Full PDB file with SEQRES, HELIX, SHEET, SSBOND, CRYST1, ORIGX, SCALE, CONECT and MASTER records, all heavy atoms in Angstrom:
SEQRES   1 A   38  GLU GLU ASN GLY ILE LEU VAL VAL ALA SER GLY ARG LEU          
SEQRES   2 A   38  ARG MET TYR LEU VAL GLY GLU ASP ARG GLU LEU SER LEU          
SEQRES   3 A   38  PHE TYR PHE GLY PRO GLY ASP MET PHE CYS ARG HIS              
SHEET    1 AA1 2 ILE A   5  VAL A   7  0                                        
SHEET    2 AA1 2 MET A  34  CYS A  36 -1                                        
SHEET    1 AA2 2 LEU A  13  VAL A  18  0                                        
SHEET    2 AA2 2 GLU A  23  PHE A  29 -1                                        
CRYST1    1.000    1.000    1.000  90.00  90.00  90.00 P 1           1          
ORIGX1      1.000000  0.000000  0.000000        0.00000                         
ORIGX2      0.000000  1.000000  0.000000        0.00000                         
ORIGX3      0.000000  0.000000  1.000000        0.00000                         
SCALE1      1.000000  0.000000  0.000000        0.00000                         
SCALE2      0.000000  1.000000  0.000000        0.00000                         
SCALE3      0.000000  0.000000  1.000000        0.00000                         
ATOM      1  N   GLU A   1     -64.682 -18.389-155.007  1.00  0.00           N  
ATOM      2  CA  GLU A   1     -65.274 -19.633-154.529  1.00  0.00           C  
ATOM      3  C   GLU A   1     -64.841 -20.831-155.365  1.00  0.00           C  
ATOM      4  O   GLU A   1     -65.198 -21.968-155.059  1.00  0.00           O  
ATOM      5  CB  GLU A   1     -66.807 -19.519-154.557  1.00  0.00           C  
ATOM      6  CG  GLU A   1     -67.362 -18.395-153.698  1.00  0.00           C  
ATOM      7  CD  GLU A   1     -66.997 -18.569-152.235  1.00  0.00           C  
ATOM      8  OE1 GLU A   1     -67.031 -19.716-151.749  1.00  0.00           O  
ATOM      9  OE2 GLU A   1     -66.668 -17.554-151.580  1.00  0.00           O  
ATOM     10  N   GLU A   2     -64.079 -20.566-156.431  1.00  0.00           N  
ATOM     11  CA  GLU A   2     -63.622 -21.638-157.319  1.00  0.00           C  
ATOM     12  C   GLU A   2     -62.436 -22.357-156.663  1.00  0.00           C  
ATOM     13  O   GLU A   2     -61.280 -22.056-156.895  1.00  0.00           O  
ATOM     14  CB  GLU A   2     -63.213 -21.045-158.676  1.00  0.00           C  
ATOM     15  CG  GLU A   2     -62.975 -22.067-159.758  1.00  0.00           C  
ATOM     16  CD  GLU A   2     -62.728 -21.402-161.106  1.00  0.00           C  
ATOM     17  OE1 GLU A   2     -62.378 -20.205-161.126  1.00  0.00           O  
ATOM     18  OE2 GLU A   2     -62.899 -22.073-162.119  1.00  0.00           O  
ATOM     19  N   ASN A   3     -62.723 -23.315-155.839  1.00  0.00           N  
ATOM     20  CA  ASN A   3     -61.728 -23.973-155.002  1.00  0.00           C  
ATOM     21  C   ASN A   3     -60.891 -24.961-155.810  1.00  0.00           C  
ATOM     22  O   ASN A   3     -61.375 -25.578-156.749  1.00  0.00           O  
ATOM     23  CB  ASN A   3     -62.440 -24.709-153.857  1.00  0.00           C  
ATOM     24  CG  ASN A   3     -61.457 -25.234-152.831  1.00  0.00           C  
ATOM     25  OD1 ASN A   3     -60.341 -24.755-152.733  1.00  0.00           O  
ATOM     26  ND2 ASN A   3     -61.884 -26.226-152.078  1.00  0.00           N  
ATOM     27  N   GLY A   4     -59.633 -25.134-155.425  1.00  0.00           N  
ATOM     28  CA  GLY A   4     -58.813 -26.163-156.038  1.00  0.00           C  
ATOM     29  C   GLY A   4     -57.408 -25.703-156.370  1.00  0.00           C  
ATOM     30  O   GLY A   4     -57.040 -24.541-156.198  1.00  0.00           O  
ATOM     31  N   ILE A   5     -56.616 -26.648-156.869  1.00  0.00           N  
ATOM     32  CA  ILE A   5     -55.217 -26.430-157.238  1.00  0.00           C  
ATOM     33  C   ILE A   5     -55.000 -26.943-158.647  1.00  0.00           C  
ATOM     34  O   ILE A   5     -55.567 -27.963-159.052  1.00  0.00           O  
ATOM     35  CB  ILE A   5     -54.279 -27.191-156.272  1.00  0.00           C  
ATOM     36  CG1 ILE A   5     -54.440 -26.684-154.843  1.00  0.00           C  
ATOM     37  CG2 ILE A   5     -52.817 -27.086-156.729  1.00  0.00           C  
ATOM     38  CD1 ILE A   5     -53.941 -25.278-154.598  1.00  0.00           C  
ATOM     39  N   LEU A   6     -54.185 -26.235-159.411  1.00  0.00           N  
ATOM     40  CA  LEU A   6     -53.795 -26.707-160.741  1.00  0.00           C  
ATOM     41  C   LEU A   6     -52.288 -26.931-160.785  1.00  0.00           C  
ATOM     42  O   LEU A   6     -51.520 -26.202-160.151  1.00  0.00           O  
ATOM     43  CB  LEU A   6     -54.235 -25.728-161.827  1.00  0.00           C  
ATOM     44  CG  LEU A   6     -53.644 -24.321-161.866  1.00  0.00           C  
ATOM     45  CD1 LEU A   6     -52.303 -24.261-162.584  1.00  0.00           C  
ATOM     46  CD2 LEU A   6     -54.633 -23.360-162.522  1.00  0.00           C  
ATOM     47  N   VAL A   7     -51.869 -27.960-161.508  1.00  0.00           N  
ATOM     48  CA  VAL A   7     -50.463 -28.252-161.742  1.00  0.00           C  
ATOM     49  C   VAL A   7     -50.258 -28.311-163.248  1.00  0.00           C  
ATOM     50  O   VAL A   7     -51.007 -28.997-163.957  1.00  0.00           O  
ATOM     51  CB  VAL A   7     -50.046 -29.599-161.110  1.00  0.00           C  
ATOM     52  CG1 VAL A   7     -48.569 -29.887-161.400  1.00  0.00           C  
ATOM     53  CG2 VAL A   7     -50.301 -29.589-159.610  1.00  0.00           C  
ATOM     54  N   VAL A   8     -49.278 -27.568-163.750  1.00  0.00           N  
ATOM     55  CA  VAL A   8     -49.036 -27.494-165.192  1.00  0.00           C  
ATOM     56  C   VAL A   8     -48.091 -28.616-165.610  1.00  0.00           C  
ATOM     57  O   VAL A   8     -46.941 -28.668-165.174  1.00  0.00           O  
ATOM     58  CB  VAL A   8     -48.436 -26.133-165.586  1.00  0.00           C  
ATOM     59  CG1 VAL A   8     -48.298 -26.043-167.104  1.00  0.00           C  
ATOM     60  CG2 VAL A   8     -49.282 -24.983-165.051  1.00  0.00           C  
ATOM     61  N   ALA A   9     -48.588 -29.513-166.453  1.00  0.00           N  
ATOM     62  CA  ALA A   9     -47.746 -30.582-166.989  1.00  0.00           C  
ATOM     63  C   ALA A   9     -47.036 -30.129-168.259  1.00  0.00           C  
ATOM     64  O   ALA A   9     -45.873 -30.457-168.492  1.00  0.00           O  
ATOM     65  CB  ALA A   9     -48.593 -31.826-167.266  1.00  0.00           C  
ATOM     66  N   SER A  10     -47.735 -29.364-169.095  1.00  0.00           N  
ATOM     67  CA  SER A  10     -47.129 -28.826-170.313  1.00  0.00           C  
ATOM     68  C   SER A  10     -47.925 -27.603-170.753  1.00  0.00           C  
ATOM     69  O   SER A  10     -49.065 -27.400-170.340  1.00  0.00           O  
ATOM     70  CB  SER A  10     -47.128 -29.883-171.435  1.00  0.00           C  
ATOM     71  OG  SER A  10     -48.451 -30.209-171.825  1.00  0.00           O  
ATOM     72  N   GLY A  11     -47.304 -26.773-171.581  1.00  0.00           N  
ATOM     73  CA  GLY A  11     -47.968 -25.581-172.084  1.00  0.00           C  
ATOM     74  C   GLY A  11     -47.609 -24.328-171.313  1.00  0.00           C  
ATOM     75  O   GLY A  11     -46.587 -24.268-170.623  1.00  0.00           O  
ATOM     76  N   ARG A  12     -48.462 -23.330-171.416  1.00  0.00           N  
ATOM     77  CA  ARG A  12     -48.195 -22.020-170.811  1.00  0.00           C  
ATOM     78  C   ARG A  12     -49.530 -21.363-170.471  1.00  0.00           C  
ATOM     79  O   ARG A  12     -50.478 -21.386-171.266  1.00  0.00           O  
ATOM     80  CB  ARG A  12     -47.399 -21.166-171.804  1.00  0.00           C  
ATOM     81  CG  ARG A  12     -46.892 -19.835-171.276  1.00  0.00           C  
ATOM     82  CD  ARG A  12     -45.994 -19.210-172.347  1.00  0.00           C  
ATOM     83  NE  ARG A  12     -45.555 -17.876-172.018  1.00  0.00           N  
ATOM     84  CZ  ARG A  12     -44.492 -17.574-171.276  1.00  0.00           C  
ATOM     85  NH1 ARG A  12     -43.772 -18.547-170.769  1.00  0.00           N  
ATOM     86  NH2 ARG A  12     -44.136 -16.332-171.060  1.00  0.00           N  
ATOM     87  N   LEU A  13     -49.602 -20.759-169.281  1.00  0.00           N  
ATOM     88  CA  LEU A  13     -50.821 -20.109-168.818  1.00  0.00           C  
ATOM     89  C   LEU A  13     -50.525 -18.690-168.369  1.00  0.00           C  
ATOM     90  O   LEU A  13     -49.425 -18.400-167.894  1.00  0.00           O  
ATOM     91  CB  LEU A  13     -51.460 -20.869-167.649  1.00  0.00           C  
ATOM     92  CG  LEU A  13     -52.093 -22.237-167.926  1.00  0.00           C  
ATOM     93  CD1 LEU A  13     -51.025 -23.320-168.017  1.00  0.00           C  
ATOM     94  CD2 LEU A  13     -53.082 -22.594-166.834  1.00  0.00           C  
ATOM     95  N   ARG A  14     -51.523 -17.812-168.519  1.00  0.00           N  
ATOM     96  CA  ARG A  14     -51.386 -16.412-168.120  1.00  0.00           C  
ATOM     97  C   ARG A  14     -52.395 -16.089-167.023  1.00  0.00           C  
ATOM     98  O   ARG A  14     -53.587 -16.364-167.156  1.00  0.00           O  
ATOM     99  CB  ARG A  14     -51.631 -15.496-169.326  1.00  0.00           C  
ATOM    100  CG  ARG A  14     -51.600 -14.000-169.007  1.00  0.00           C  
ATOM    101  CD  ARG A  14     -51.726 -13.181-170.269  1.00  0.00           C  
ATOM    102  NE  ARG A  14     -53.075 -13.186-170.813  1.00  0.00           N  
ATOM    103  CZ  ARG A  14     -53.930 -12.156-170.749  1.00  0.00           C  
ATOM    104  NH1 ARG A  14     -53.558 -11.028-170.149  1.00  0.00           N  
ATOM    105  NH2 ARG A  14     -55.133 -12.231-171.288  1.00  0.00           N  
ATOM    106  N   MET A  15     -51.914 -15.487-165.933  1.00  0.00           N  
ATOM    107  CA  MET A  15     -52.791 -14.968-164.891  1.00  0.00           C  
ATOM    108  C   MET A  15     -52.968 -13.470-165.127  1.00  0.00           C  
ATOM    109  O   MET A  15     -51.989 -12.751-165.323  1.00  0.00           O  
ATOM    110  CB  MET A  15     -52.187 -15.208-163.505  1.00  0.00           C  
ATOM    111  CG  MET A  15     -53.001 -14.603-162.374  1.00  0.00           C  
ATOM    112  SD  MET A  15     -52.138 -14.692-160.786  1.00  0.00           S  
ATOM    113  CE  MET A  15     -52.299 -16.433-160.450  1.00  0.00           C  
ATOM    114  N   TYR A  16     -54.215 -12.994-165.077  1.00  0.00           N  
ATOM    115  CA  TYR A  16     -54.438 -11.587-165.410  1.00  0.00           C  
ATOM    116  C   TYR A  16     -55.695 -11.048-164.740  1.00  0.00           C  
ATOM    117  O   TYR A  16     -56.522 -11.795-164.198  1.00  0.00           O  
ATOM    118  CB  TYR A  16     -54.537 -11.413-166.930  1.00  0.00           C  
ATOM    119  CG  TYR A  16     -55.718 -12.090-167.581  1.00  0.00           C  
ATOM    120  CD1 TYR A  16     -56.826 -11.367-167.988  1.00  0.00           C  
ATOM    121  CD2 TYR A  16     -55.717 -13.467-167.811  1.00  0.00           C  
ATOM    122  CE1 TYR A  16     -57.912 -11.979-168.603  1.00  0.00           C  
ATOM    123  CE2 TYR A  16     -56.786 -14.090-168.429  1.00  0.00           C  
ATOM    124  CZ  TYR A  16     -57.882 -13.343-168.818  1.00  0.00           C  
ATOM    125  OH  TYR A  16     -58.954 -13.961-169.423  1.00  0.00           O  
ATOM    126  N   LEU A  17     -55.814  -9.722-164.782  1.00  0.00           N  
ATOM    127  CA  LEU A  17     -56.995  -9.007-164.319  1.00  0.00           C  
ATOM    128  C   LEU A  17     -57.583  -8.229-165.485  1.00  0.00           C  
ATOM    129  O   LEU A  17     -56.860  -7.858-166.421  1.00  0.00           O  
ATOM    130  CB  LEU A  17     -56.639  -8.043-163.180  1.00  0.00           C  
ATOM    131  CG  LEU A  17     -56.126  -8.674-161.876  1.00  0.00           C  
ATOM    132  CD1 LEU A  17     -55.621  -7.576-160.939  1.00  0.00           C  
ATOM    133  CD2 LEU A  17     -57.211  -9.496-161.206  1.00  0.00           C  
ATOM    134  N   VAL A  18     -58.869  -7.953-165.419  1.00  0.00           N  
ATOM    135  CA  VAL A  18     -59.546  -7.218-166.487  1.00  0.00           C  
ATOM    136  C   VAL A  18     -60.145  -5.945-165.914  1.00  0.00           C  
ATOM    137  O   VAL A  18     -60.877  -5.978-164.915  1.00  0.00           O  
ATOM    138  CB  VAL A  18     -60.659  -8.066-167.130  1.00  0.00           C  
ATOM    139  CG1 VAL A  18     -61.402  -7.248-168.190  1.00  0.00           C  
ATOM    140  CG2 VAL A  18     -60.073  -9.317-167.760  1.00  0.00           C  
ATOM    141  N   GLY A  19     -59.798  -4.802-166.537  1.00  0.00           N  
ATOM    142  CA  GLY A  19     -60.383  -3.529-166.170  1.00  0.00           C  
ATOM    143  C   GLY A  19     -61.426  -3.107-167.181  1.00  0.00           C  
ATOM    144  O   GLY A  19     -61.853  -3.894-168.021  1.00  0.00           O  
ATOM    145  N   GLU A  20     -61.825  -1.847-167.131  1.00  0.00           N  
ATOM    146  CA  GLU A  20     -62.852  -1.362-168.039  1.00  0.00           C  
ATOM    147  C   GLU A  20     -62.384  -1.331-169.488  1.00  0.00           C  
ATOM    148  O   GLU A  20     -63.159  -1.583-170.406  1.00  0.00           O  
ATOM    149  CB  GLU A  20     -63.305   0.040-167.616  1.00  0.00           C  
ATOM    150  CG  GLU A  20     -64.072   0.070-166.294  1.00  0.00           C  
ATOM    151  CD  GLU A  20     -64.588   1.454-165.976  1.00  0.00           C  
ATOM    152  OE1 GLU A  20     -64.344   2.361-166.800  1.00  0.00           O  
ATOM    153  OE2 GLU A  20     -65.236   1.631-164.927  1.00  0.00           O  
ATOM    154  N   ASP A  21     -61.095  -0.992-169.695  1.00  0.00           N  
ATOM    155  CA  ASP A  21     -60.635  -0.818-171.065  1.00  0.00           C  
ATOM    156  C   ASP A  21     -59.360  -1.578-171.394  1.00  0.00           C  
ATOM    157  O   ASP A  21     -58.792  -1.415-172.472  1.00  0.00           O  
ATOM    158  CB  ASP A  21     -60.417   0.669-171.361  1.00  0.00           C  
ATOM    159  CG  ASP A  21     -59.414   1.308-170.401  1.00  0.00           C  
ATOM    160  OD1 ASP A  21     -59.017   0.637-169.426  1.00  0.00           O  
ATOM    161  OD2 ASP A  21     -59.034   2.462-170.628  1.00  0.00           O  
ATOM    162  N   ARG A  22     -58.877  -2.437-170.483  1.00  0.00           N  
ATOM    163  CA  ARG A  22     -57.651  -3.179-170.775  1.00  0.00           C  
ATOM    164  C   ARG A  22     -57.488  -4.348-169.819  1.00  0.00           C  
ATOM    165  O   ARG A  22     -58.172  -4.450-168.807  1.00  0.00           O  
ATOM    166  CB  ARG A  22     -56.428  -2.269-170.681  1.00  0.00           C  
ATOM    167  CG  ARG A  22     -56.159  -1.717-169.290  1.00  0.00           C  
ATOM    168  CD  ARG A  22     -54.966  -0.789-169.285  1.00  0.00           C  
ATOM    169  NE  ARG A  22     -54.740  -0.214-167.972  1.00  0.00           N  
ATOM    170  CZ  ARG A  22     -53.779   0.673-167.707  1.00  0.00           C  
ATOM    171  NH1 ARG A  22     -52.980   1.078-168.661  1.00  0.00           N  
ATOM    172  NH2 ARG A  22     -53.627   1.159-166.479  1.00  0.00           N  
ATOM    173  N   GLU A  23     -56.555  -5.215-170.205  1.00  0.00           N  
ATOM    174  CA  GLU A  23     -56.187  -6.339-169.352  1.00  0.00           C  
ATOM    175  C   GLU A  23     -54.785  -6.096-168.796  1.00  0.00           C  
ATOM    176  O   GLU A  23     -53.962  -5.405-169.408  1.00  0.00           O  
ATOM    177  CB  GLU A  23     -56.189  -7.644-170.155  1.00  0.00           C  
ATOM    178  CG  GLU A  23     -57.556  -8.036-170.675  1.00  0.00           C  
ATOM    179  CD  GLU A  23     -57.511  -9.311-171.495  1.00  0.00           C  
ATOM    180  OE1 GLU A  23     -56.404  -9.868-171.686  1.00  0.00           O  
ATOM    181  OE2 GLU A  23     -58.575  -9.753-171.970  1.00  0.00           O  
ATOM    182  N   LEU A  24     -54.522  -6.670-167.623  1.00  0.00           N  
ATOM    183  CA  LEU A  24     -53.209  -6.541-166.991  1.00  0.00           C  
ATOM    184  C   LEU A  24     -52.701  -7.933-166.647  1.00  0.00           C  
ATOM    185  O   LEU A  24     -53.273  -8.623-165.803  1.00  0.00           O  
ATOM    186  CB  LEU A  24     -53.299  -5.692-165.727  1.00  0.00           C  
ATOM    187  CG  LEU A  24     -51.991  -5.509-164.943  1.00  0.00           C  
ATOM    188  CD1 LEU A  24     -50.953  -4.772-165.787  1.00  0.00           C  
ATOM    189  CD2 LEU A  24     -52.248  -4.746-163.648  1.00  0.00           C  
ATOM    190  N   SER A  25     -51.648  -8.366-167.331  1.00  0.00           N  
ATOM    191  CA  SER A  25     -51.050  -9.670-167.057  1.00  0.00           C  
ATOM    192  C   SER A  25     -50.216  -9.584-165.786  1.00  0.00           C  
ATOM    193  O   SER A  25     -49.438  -8.648-165.594  1.00  0.00           O  
ATOM    194  CB  SER A  25     -50.166 -10.123-168.220  1.00  0.00           C  
ATOM    195  OG  SER A  25     -50.939 -10.305-169.391  1.00  0.00           O  
ATOM    196  N   LEU A  26     -50.378 -10.574-164.917  1.00  0.00           N  
ATOM    197  CA  LEU A  26     -49.675 -10.583-163.638  1.00  0.00           C  
ATOM    198  C   LEU A  26     -48.554 -11.614-163.576  1.00  0.00           C  
ATOM    199  O   LEU A  26     -47.529 -11.380-162.943  1.00  0.00           O  
ATOM    200  CB  LEU A  26     -50.669 -10.860-162.502  1.00  0.00           C  
ATOM    201  CG  LEU A  26     -51.791  -9.844-162.319  1.00  0.00           C  
ATOM    202  CD1 LEU A  26     -52.766 -10.340-161.251  1.00  0.00           C  
ATOM    203  CD2 LEU A  26     -51.226  -8.485-161.931  1.00  0.00           C  
ATOM    204  N   PHE A  27     -48.751 -12.759-164.232  1.00  0.00           N  
ATOM    205  CA  PHE A  27     -47.782 -13.847-164.090  1.00  0.00           C  
ATOM    206  C   PHE A  27     -48.035 -14.883-165.178  1.00  0.00           C  
ATOM    207  O   PHE A  27     -49.166 -15.052-165.635  1.00  0.00           O  
ATOM    208  CB  PHE A  27     -47.931 -14.489-162.704  1.00  0.00           C  
ATOM    209  CG  PHE A  27     -46.808 -15.422-162.326  1.00  0.00           C  
ATOM    210  CD1 PHE A  27     -45.536 -14.944-162.117  1.00  0.00           C  
ATOM    211  CD2 PHE A  27     -47.037 -16.784-162.159  1.00  0.00           C  
ATOM    212  CE1 PHE A  27     -44.493 -15.794-161.763  1.00  0.00           C  
ATOM    213  CE2 PHE A  27     -46.014 -17.642-161.803  1.00  0.00           C  
ATOM    214  CZ  PHE A  27     -44.740 -17.151-161.604  1.00  0.00           C  
ATOM    215  N   TYR A  28     -46.963 -15.574-165.581  1.00  0.00           N  
ATOM    216  CA  TYR A  28     -47.072 -16.675-166.536  1.00  0.00           C  
ATOM    217  C   TYR A  28     -46.610 -17.972-165.873  1.00  0.00           C  
ATOM    218  O   TYR A  28     -45.582 -18.001-165.203  1.00  0.00           O  
ATOM    219  CB  TYR A  28     -46.234 -16.392-167.784  1.00  0.00           C  
ATOM    220  CG  TYR A  28     -46.881 -15.416-168.737  1.00  0.00           C  
ATOM    221  CD1 TYR A  28     -46.720 -14.045-168.569  1.00  0.00           C  
ATOM    222  CD2 TYR A  28     -47.652 -15.868-169.807  1.00  0.00           C  
ATOM    223  CE1 TYR A  28     -47.332 -13.143-169.438  1.00  0.00           C  
ATOM    224  CE2 TYR A  28     -48.255 -14.973-170.686  1.00  0.00           C  
ATOM    225  CZ  TYR A  28     -48.092 -13.618-170.502  1.00  0.00           C  
ATOM    226  OH  TYR A  28     -48.691 -12.731-171.355  1.00  0.00           O  
ATOM    227  N   PHE A  29     -47.390 -19.037-166.082  1.00  0.00           N  
ATOM    228  CA  PHE A  29     -47.054 -20.351-165.550  1.00  0.00           C  
ATOM    229  C   PHE A  29     -46.547 -21.245-166.666  1.00  0.00           C  
ATOM    230  O   PHE A  29     -47.048 -21.197-167.792  1.00  0.00           O  
ATOM    231  CB  PHE A  29     -48.288 -21.017-164.928  1.00  0.00           C  
ATOM    232  CG  PHE A  29     -48.903 -20.260-163.791  1.00  0.00           C  
ATOM    233  CD1 PHE A  29     -50.030 -19.472-163.979  1.00  0.00           C  
ATOM    234  CD2 PHE A  29     -48.357 -20.342-162.517  1.00  0.00           C  
ATOM    235  CE1 PHE A  29     -50.609 -18.778-162.929  1.00  0.00           C  
ATOM    236  CE2 PHE A  29     -48.926 -19.646-161.458  1.00  0.00           C  
ATOM    237  CZ  PHE A  29     -50.046 -18.865-161.666  1.00  0.00           C  
ATOM    238  N   GLY A  30     -45.557 -22.100-166.326  1.00  0.00           N  
ATOM    239  CA  GLY A  30     -45.031 -23.070-167.276  1.00  0.00           C  
ATOM    240  C   GLY A  30     -45.000 -24.451-166.658  1.00  0.00           C  
ATOM    241  O   GLY A  30     -45.448 -24.654-165.520  1.00  0.00           O  
ATOM    242  N   PRO A  31     -44.468 -25.441-167.370  1.00  0.00           N  
ATOM    243  CA  PRO A  31     -44.425 -26.812-166.862  1.00  0.00           C  
ATOM    244  C   PRO A  31     -43.756 -26.905-165.489  1.00  0.00           C  
ATOM    245  O   PRO A  31     -42.703 -26.326-165.258  1.00  0.00           O  
ATOM    246  CB  PRO A  31     -43.602 -27.550-167.926  1.00  0.00           C  
ATOM    247  CG  PRO A  31     -43.856 -26.777-169.180  1.00  0.00           C  
ATOM    248  CD  PRO A  31     -43.925 -25.339-168.741  1.00  0.00           C  
ATOM    249  N   GLY A  32     -44.405 -27.628-164.584  1.00  0.00           N  
ATOM    250  CA  GLY A  32     -43.890 -27.794-163.231  1.00  0.00           C  
ATOM    251  C   GLY A  32     -44.411 -26.771-162.248  1.00  0.00           C  
ATOM    252  O   GLY A  32     -44.214 -26.916-161.046  1.00  0.00           O  
ATOM    253  N   ASP A  33     -45.094 -25.730-162.740  1.00  0.00           N  
ATOM    254  CA  ASP A  33     -45.663 -24.722-161.843  1.00  0.00           C  
ATOM    255  C   ASP A  33     -47.020 -25.199-161.316  1.00  0.00           C  
ATOM    256  O   ASP A  33     -47.714 -26.002-161.946  1.00  0.00           O  
ATOM    257  CB  ASP A  33     -45.849 -23.389-162.563  1.00  0.00           C  
ATOM    258  CG  ASP A  33     -44.544 -22.659-162.776  1.00  0.00           C  
ATOM    259  OD1 ASP A  33     -43.562 -22.992-162.074  1.00  0.00           O  
ATOM    260  OD2 ASP A  33     -44.493 -21.766-163.641  1.00  0.00           O  
ATOM    261  N   MET A  34     -47.396 -24.675-160.158  1.00  0.00           N  
ATOM    262  CA  MET A  34     -48.692 -24.996-159.571  1.00  0.00           C  
ATOM    263  C   MET A  34     -49.236 -23.755-158.877  1.00  0.00           C  
ATOM    264  O   MET A  34     -48.479 -22.892-158.446  1.00  0.00           O  
ATOM    265  CB  MET A  34     -48.556 -26.158-158.580  1.00  0.00           C  
ATOM    266  CG  MET A  34     -47.612 -25.895-157.424  1.00  0.00           C  
ATOM    267  SD  MET A  34     -47.374 -27.351-156.356  1.00  0.00           S  
ATOM    268  CE  MET A  34     -46.188 -28.263-157.328  1.00  0.00           C  
ATOM    269  N   PHE A  35     -50.554 -23.668-158.797  1.00  0.00           N  
ATOM    270  CA  PHE A  35     -51.159 -22.492-158.177  1.00  0.00           C  
ATOM    271  C   PHE A  35     -52.598 -22.810-157.798  1.00  0.00           C  
ATOM    272  O   PHE A  35     -53.193 -23.770-158.289  1.00  0.00           O  
ATOM    273  CB  PHE A  35     -51.117 -21.292-159.129  1.00  0.00           C  
ATOM    274  CG  PHE A  35     -51.100 -19.956-158.432  1.00  0.00           C  
ATOM    275  CD1 PHE A  35     -49.964 -19.527-157.767  1.00  0.00           C  
ATOM    276  CD2 PHE A  35     -52.220 -19.142-158.431  1.00  0.00           C  
ATOM    277  CE1 PHE A  35     -49.943 -18.303-157.115  1.00  0.00           C  
ATOM    278  CE2 PHE A  35     -52.208 -17.923-157.792  1.00  0.00           C  
ATOM    279  CZ  PHE A  35     -51.068 -17.500-157.124  1.00  0.00           C  
ATOM    280  N   CYS A  36     -53.174 -21.964-156.916  1.00  0.00           N  
ATOM    281  CA  CYS A  36     -54.565 -22.150-156.513  1.00  0.00           C  
ATOM    282  C   CYS A  36     -55.494 -21.570-157.570  1.00  0.00           C  
ATOM    283  O   CYS A  36     -55.115 -20.693-158.349  1.00  0.00           O  
ATOM    284  CB  CYS A  36     -54.821 -21.507-155.160  1.00  0.00           C  
ATOM    285  SG  CYS A  36     -54.685 -19.710-155.173  1.00  0.00           S  
ATOM    286  N   ARG A  37     -56.735 -22.053-157.564  1.00  0.00           N  
ATOM    287  CA  ARG A  37     -57.726 -21.586-158.523  1.00  0.00           C  
ATOM    288  C   ARG A  37     -58.675 -20.552-157.912  1.00  0.00           C  
ATOM    289  O   ARG A  37     -59.607 -20.098-158.571  1.00  0.00           O  
ATOM    290  CB  ARG A  37     -58.526 -22.774-159.065  1.00  0.00           C  
ATOM    291  CG  ARG A  37     -57.659 -23.839-159.729  1.00  0.00           C  
ATOM    292  CD  ARG A  37     -58.481 -25.029-160.183  1.00  0.00           C  
ATOM    293  NE  ARG A  37     -59.399 -24.646-161.255  1.00  0.00           N  
ATOM    294  CZ  ARG A  37     -60.396 -25.431-161.680  1.00  0.00           C  
ATOM    295  NH1 ARG A  37     -60.617 -26.591-161.091  1.00  0.00           N  
ATOM    296  NH2 ARG A  37     -61.177 -25.027-162.664  1.00  0.00           N  
ATOM    297  N   HIS A  38     -58.443 -20.182-156.656  1.00  0.00           N  
ATOM    298  CA  HIS A  38     -59.345 -19.258-155.975  1.00  0.00           C  
ATOM    299  C   HIS A  38     -58.659 -17.933-155.621  1.00  0.00           C  
ATOM    300  O   HIS A  38     -58.987 -17.295-154.632  1.00  0.00           O  
ATOM    301  CB  HIS A  38     -59.897 -19.912-154.702  1.00  0.00           C  
ATOM    302  CG  HIS A  38     -58.830 -20.448-153.794  1.00  0.00           C  
ATOM    303  ND1 HIS A  38     -58.368 -21.737-153.893  1.00  0.00           N  
ATOM    304  CD2 HIS A  38     -58.138 -19.886-152.788  1.00  0.00           C  
ATOM    305  CE1 HIS A  38     -57.437 -21.938-152.973  1.00  0.00           C  
ATOM    306  NE2 HIS A  38     -57.282 -20.818-152.300  1.00  0.00           N  
TER     307      HIS A  38                                                      
MASTER        0    0    0    0    4    0    0    6  306    1    0    3          
END                                                                             
């Protein structure tokens, strides 16, 4: 339900999922990338 779009101007972001005992990274965003927040 977290509606919206993000655009990366600088820095680095990680998209991931969390399980019972570990995290799983899915994708990394860098400057110029954009993605939905939902």
